[in-house]
Amino acid sequence: MPKIVDWYMDGKIDIDSLITHTMPLEDINKGFDLMHAGESIRSVVVY
């Protein structure tokens, strides 16, 4: 895992484009709903 983080930090891989939604912790159930509906590839929950 540290190697992948290094690649990301060096700009060798793009992970940001895979994030489809960012939401606060209180909306985590919405994140699960989006996932089950097939409307989300990756969601980030901000704590």
PDB file of N, CA and C in Angstrom:
ATOM      1  N   MET A   1       0.807  -1.198   0.000  1.00  0.00           N
ATOM      2  CA  MET A   1       0.000   0.000   0.000  1.00  0.00           C
ATOM      3  C   MET A   1       0.856   1.270   0.000  1.00  0.00           C
ATOM      4  N   PRO A   2       1.932   1.335   0.754  1.00  0.00           N
ATOM      5  CA  PRO A   2       2.748   2.558   0.727  1.00  0.00           C
ATOM      6  C   PRO A   2       3.255   2.893  -0.685  1.00  0.00           C
ATOM      7  N   LYS A   3       3.534   1.878  -1.478  1.00  0.00           N
ATOM      8  CA  LYS A   3       4.024   2.107  -2.839  1.00  0.00           C
ATOM      9  C   LYS A   3       2.944   2.787  -3.687  1.00  0.00           C
ATOM     10  N   ILE A   4       1.693   2.366  -3.532  1.00  0.00           N
ATOM     11  CA  ILE A   4       0.594   2.968  -4.277  1.00  0.00           C
ATOM     12  C   ILE A   4       0.403   4.423  -3.855  1.00  0.00           C
ATOM     13  N   VAL A   5       0.537   4.700  -2.567  1.00  0.00           N
ATOM     14  CA  VAL A   5       0.443   6.080  -2.081  1.00  0.00           C
ATOM     15  C   VAL A   5       1.560   6.919  -2.695  1.00  0.00           C
ATOM     16  N   ASP A   6       2.752   6.369  -2.755  1.00  0.00           N
ATOM     17  CA  ASP A   6       3.869   7.087  -3.381  1.00  0.00           C
ATOM     18  C   ASP A   6       3.577   7.385  -4.852  1.00  0.00           C
ATOM     19  N   TRP A   7       3.049   6.392  -5.586  1.00  0.00           N
ATOM     20  CA  TRP A   7       2.707   6.608  -6.996  1.00  0.00           C
ATOM     21  C   TRP A   7       1.686   7.731  -7.133  1.00  0.00           C
ATOM     22  N   TYR A   8       0.683   7.726  -6.241  1.00  0.00           N
ATOM     23  CA  TYR A   8      -0.337   8.772  -6.280  1.00  0.00           C
ATOM     24  C   TYR A   8       0.287  10.137  -5.997  1.00  0.00           C
ATOM     25  N   MET A   9       1.096  10.216  -4.963  1.00  0.00           N
ATOM     26  CA  MET A   9       1.715  11.482  -4.580  1.00  0.00           C
ATOM     27  C   MET A   9       2.668  11.992  -5.666  1.00  0.00           C
ATOM     28  N   ASP A  10       3.289  11.084  -6.402  1.00  0.00           N
ATOM     29  CA  ASP A  10       4.197  11.461  -7.489  1.00  0.00           C
ATOM     30  C   ASP A  10       3.453  11.752  -8.789  1.00  0.00           C
ATOM     31  N   GLY A  11       2.138  11.561  -8.801  1.00  0.00           N
ATOM     32  CA  GLY A  11       1.345  11.827 -10.000  1.00  0.00           C
ATOM     33  C   GLY A  11       1.410  10.727 -11.046  1.00  0.00           C
ATOM     34  N   LYS A  12       1.878   9.546 -10.649  1.00  0.00           N
ATOM     35  CA  LYS A  12       1.999   8.439 -11.593  1.00  0.00           C
ATOM     36  C   LYS A  12       0.670   7.722 -11.832  1.00  0.00           C
ATOM     37  N   ILE A  13      -0.231   7.796 -10.881  1.00  0.00           N
ATOM     38  CA  ILE A  13      -1.561   7.212 -11.056  1.00  0.00           C
ATOM     39  C   ILE A  13      -2.613   8.250 -10.666  1.00  0.00           C
ATOM     40  N   ASP A  14      -3.754   8.177 -11.335  1.00  0.00           N
ATOM     41  CA  ASP A  14      -4.840   9.124 -11.074  1.00  0.00           C
ATOM     42  C   ASP A  14      -5.966   8.396 -10.354  1.00  0.00           C
ATOM     43  N   ILE A  15      -6.180   8.742  -9.123  1.00  0.00           N
ATOM     44  CA  ILE A  15      -7.263   8.148  -8.338  1.00  0.00           C
ATOM     45  C   ILE A  15      -8.430   9.131  -8.229  1.00  0.00           C
ATOM     46  N   ASP A  16      -8.139  10.409  -8.254  1.00  0.00           N
ATOM     47  CA  ASP A  16      -9.163  11.436  -8.063  1.00  0.00           C
ATOM     48  C   ASP A  16     -10.309  11.319  -9.067  1.00  0.00           C
ATOM     49  N   SER A  17     -10.014  10.949 -10.306  1.00  0.00           N
ATOM     50  CA  SER A  17     -11.071  10.859 -11.314  1.00  0.00           C
ATOM     51  C   SER A  17     -12.021   9.696 -11.058  1.00  0.00           C
ATOM     52  N   LEU A  18     -11.635   8.760 -10.192  1.00  0.00           N
ATOM     53  CA  LEU A  18     -12.503   7.629  -9.865  1.00  0.00           C
ATOM     54  C   LEU A  18     -13.506   7.958  -8.766  1.00  0.00           C
ATOM     55  N   ILE A  19     -13.328   9.090  -8.085  1.00  0.00           N
ATOM     56  CA  ILE A  19     -14.244   9.490  -7.015  1.00  0.00           C
ATOM     57  C   ILE A  19     -15.449  10.176  -7.646  1.00  0.00           C
ATOM     58  N   THR A  20     -16.622   9.586  -7.441  1.00  0.00           N
ATOM     59  CA  THR A  20     -17.832  10.145  -8.040  1.00  0.00           C
ATOM     60  C   THR A  20     -18.619  11.017  -7.076  1.00  0.00           C
ATOM     61  N   HIS A  21     -18.477  10.789  -5.779  1.00  0.00           N
ATOM     62  CA  HIS A  21     -19.219  11.565  -4.787  1.00  0.00           C
ATOM     63  C   HIS A  21     -18.359  11.789  -3.546  1.00  0.00           C
ATOM     64  N   THR A  22     -18.538  12.944  -2.932  1.00  0.00           N
ATOM     65  CA  THR A  22     -17.930  13.257  -1.643  1.00  0.00           C
ATOM     66  C   THR A  22     -19.053  13.741  -0.749  1.00  0.00           C
ATOM     67  N   MET A  23     -19.133  13.170   0.449  1.00  0.00           N
ATOM     68  CA  MET A  23     -20.249  13.518   1.337  1.00  0.00           C
ATOM     69  C   MET A  23     -19.818  13.493   2.789  1.00  0.00           C
ATOM     70  N   PRO A  24     -20.533  14.240   3.626  1.00  0.00           N
ATOM     71  CA  PRO A  24     -20.231  14.210   5.065  1.00  0.00           C
ATOM     72  C   PRO A  24     -20.713  12.897   5.688  1.00  0.00           C
ATOM     73  N   LEU A  25     -20.190  12.602   6.848  1.00  0.00           N
ATOM     74  CA  LEU A  25     -20.502  11.350   7.538  1.00  0.00           C
ATOM     75  C   LEU A  25     -22.007  11.173   7.741  1.00  0.00           C
ATOM     76  N   GLU A  26     -22.719  12.248   8.009  1.00  0.00           N
ATOM     77  CA  GLU A  26     -24.159  12.112   8.264  1.00  0.00           C
ATOM     78  C   GLU A  26     -24.945  11.676   7.028  1.00  0.00           C
ATOM     79  N   ASP A  27     -24.326  11.724   5.840  1.00  0.00           N
ATOM     80  CA  ASP A  27     -24.986  11.276   4.613  1.00  0.00           C
ATOM     81  C   ASP A  27     -24.514   9.890   4.158  1.00  0.00           C
ATOM     82  N   ILE A  28     -23.916   9.131   5.048  1.00  0.00           N
ATOM     83  CA  ILE A  28     -23.358   7.836   4.658  1.00  0.00           C
ATOM     84  C   ILE A  28     -24.424   6.893   4.105  1.00  0.00           C
ATOM     85  N   ASN A  29     -25.639   6.977   4.620  1.00  0.00           N
ATOM     86  CA  ASN A  29     -26.702   6.118   4.091  1.00  0.00           C
ATOM     87  C   ASN A  29     -27.021   6.465   2.642  1.00  0.00           C
ATOM     88  N   LYS A  30     -26.921   7.739   2.289  1.00  0.00           N
ATOM     89  CA  LYS A  30     -27.103   8.158   0.904  1.00  0.00           C
ATOM     90  C   LYS A  30     -26.021   7.511   0.032  1.00  0.00           C
ATOM     91  N   GLY A  31     -24.811   7.418   0.559  1.00  0.00           N
ATOM     92  CA  GLY A  31     -23.723   6.774  -0.164  1.00  0.00           C
ATOM     93  C   GLY A  31     -24.023   5.313  -0.455  1.00  0.00           C
ATOM     94  N   PHE A  32     -24.578   4.616   0.519  1.00  0.00           N
ATOM     95  CA  PHE A  32     -24.956   3.219   0.298  1.00  0.00           C
ATOM     96  C   PHE A  32     -26.082   3.119  -0.727  1.00  0.00           C
ATOM     97  N   ASP A  33     -27.029   4.039  -0.669  1.00  0.00           N
ATOM     98  CA  ASP A  33     -28.131   4.051  -1.643  1.00  0.00           C
ATOM     99  C   ASP A  33     -27.598   4.259  -3.060  1.00  0.00           C
ATOM    100  N   LEU A  34     -26.666   5.202  -3.215  1.00  0.00           N
ATOM    101  CA  LEU A  34     -26.066   5.451  -4.527  1.00  0.00           C
ATOM    102  C   LEU A  34     -25.326   4.210  -5.030  1.00  0.00           C
ATOM    103  N   MET A  35     -24.623   3.536  -4.145  1.00  0.00           N
ATOM    104  CA  MET A  35     -23.880   2.340  -4.525  1.00  0.00           C
ATOM    105  C   MET A  35     -24.832   1.231  -4.973  1.00  0.00           C
ATOM    106  N   HIS A  36     -25.893   1.007  -4.206  1.00  0.00           N
ATOM    107  CA  HIS A  36     -26.851  -0.047  -4.550  1.00  0.00           C
ATOM    108  C   HIS A  36     -27.599   0.262  -5.845  1.00  0.00           C
ATOM    109  N   ALA A  37     -27.794   1.543  -6.142  1.00  0.00           N
ATOM    110  CA  ALA A  37     -28.483   1.948  -7.367  1.00  0.00           C
ATOM    111  C   ALA A  37     -27.545   1.941  -8.584  1.00  0.00           C
ATOM    112  N   GLY A  38     -26.251   1.702  -8.353  1.00  0.00           N
ATOM    113  CA  GLY A  38     -25.283   1.699  -9.439  1.00  0.00           C
ATOM    114  C   GLY A  38     -24.928   3.097  -9.934  1.00  0.00           C
ATOM    115  N   GLU A  39     -25.145   4.106  -9.108  1.00  0.00           N
ATOM    116  CA  GLU A  39     -24.885   5.489  -9.491  1.00  0.00           C
ATOM    117  C   GLU A  39     -23.569   6.028  -8.944  1.00  0.00           C
ATOM    118  N   SER A  40     -22.801   5.195  -8.285  1.00  0.00           N
ATOM    119  CA  SER A  40     -21.565   5.646  -7.669  1.00  0.00           C
ATOM    120  C   SER A  40     -20.467   4.617  -7.901  1.00  0.00           C
ATOM    121  N   ILE A  41     -19.318   5.087  -8.361  1.00  0.00           N
ATOM    122  CA  ILE A  41     -18.165   4.196  -8.492  1.00  0.00           C
ATOM    123  C   ILE A  41     -17.414   4.172  -7.157  1.00  0.00           C
ATOM    124  N   ARG A  42     -17.022   5.343  -6.706  1.00  0.00           N
ATOM    125  CA  ARG A  42     -16.339   5.481  -5.413  1.00  0.00           C
ATOM    126  C   ARG A  42     -16.852   6.733  -4.723  1.00  0.00           C
ATOM    127  N   SER A  43     -17.187   6.606  -3.473  1.00  0.00           N
ATOM    128  CA  SER A  43     -17.606   7.753  -2.669  1.00  0.00           C
ATOM    129  C   SER A  43     -16.617   7.945  -1.536  1.00  0.00           C
ATOM    130  N   VAL A  44     -16.373   9.196  -1.207  1.00  0.00           N
ATOM    131  CA  VAL A  44     -15.492   9.537  -0.094  1.00  0.00           C
ATOM    132  C   VAL A  44     -16.361  10.154   1.003  1.00  0.00           C
ATOM    133  N   VAL A  45     -16.248   9.592   2.184  1.00  0.00           N
ATOM    134  CA  VAL A  45     -16.987  10.120   3.340  1.00  0.00           C
ATOM    135  C   VAL A  45     -16.010  10.968   4.145  1.00  0.00           C
ATOM    136  N   VAL A  46     -16.367  12.242   4.310  1.00  0.00           N
ATOM    137  CA  VAL A  46     -15.518  13.172   5.049  1.00  0.00           C
ATOM    138  C   VAL A  46     -15.961  13.163   6.494  1.00  0.00           C
ATOM    139  N   TYR A  47     -15.032  12.830   7.360  1.00  0.00           N
ATOM    140  CA  TYR A  47     -15.326  12.747   8.787  1.00  0.00           C
ATOM    141  C   TYR A  47     -14.828  13.967   9.486  1.00  0.00           C
TER     142      TYR A  47
END
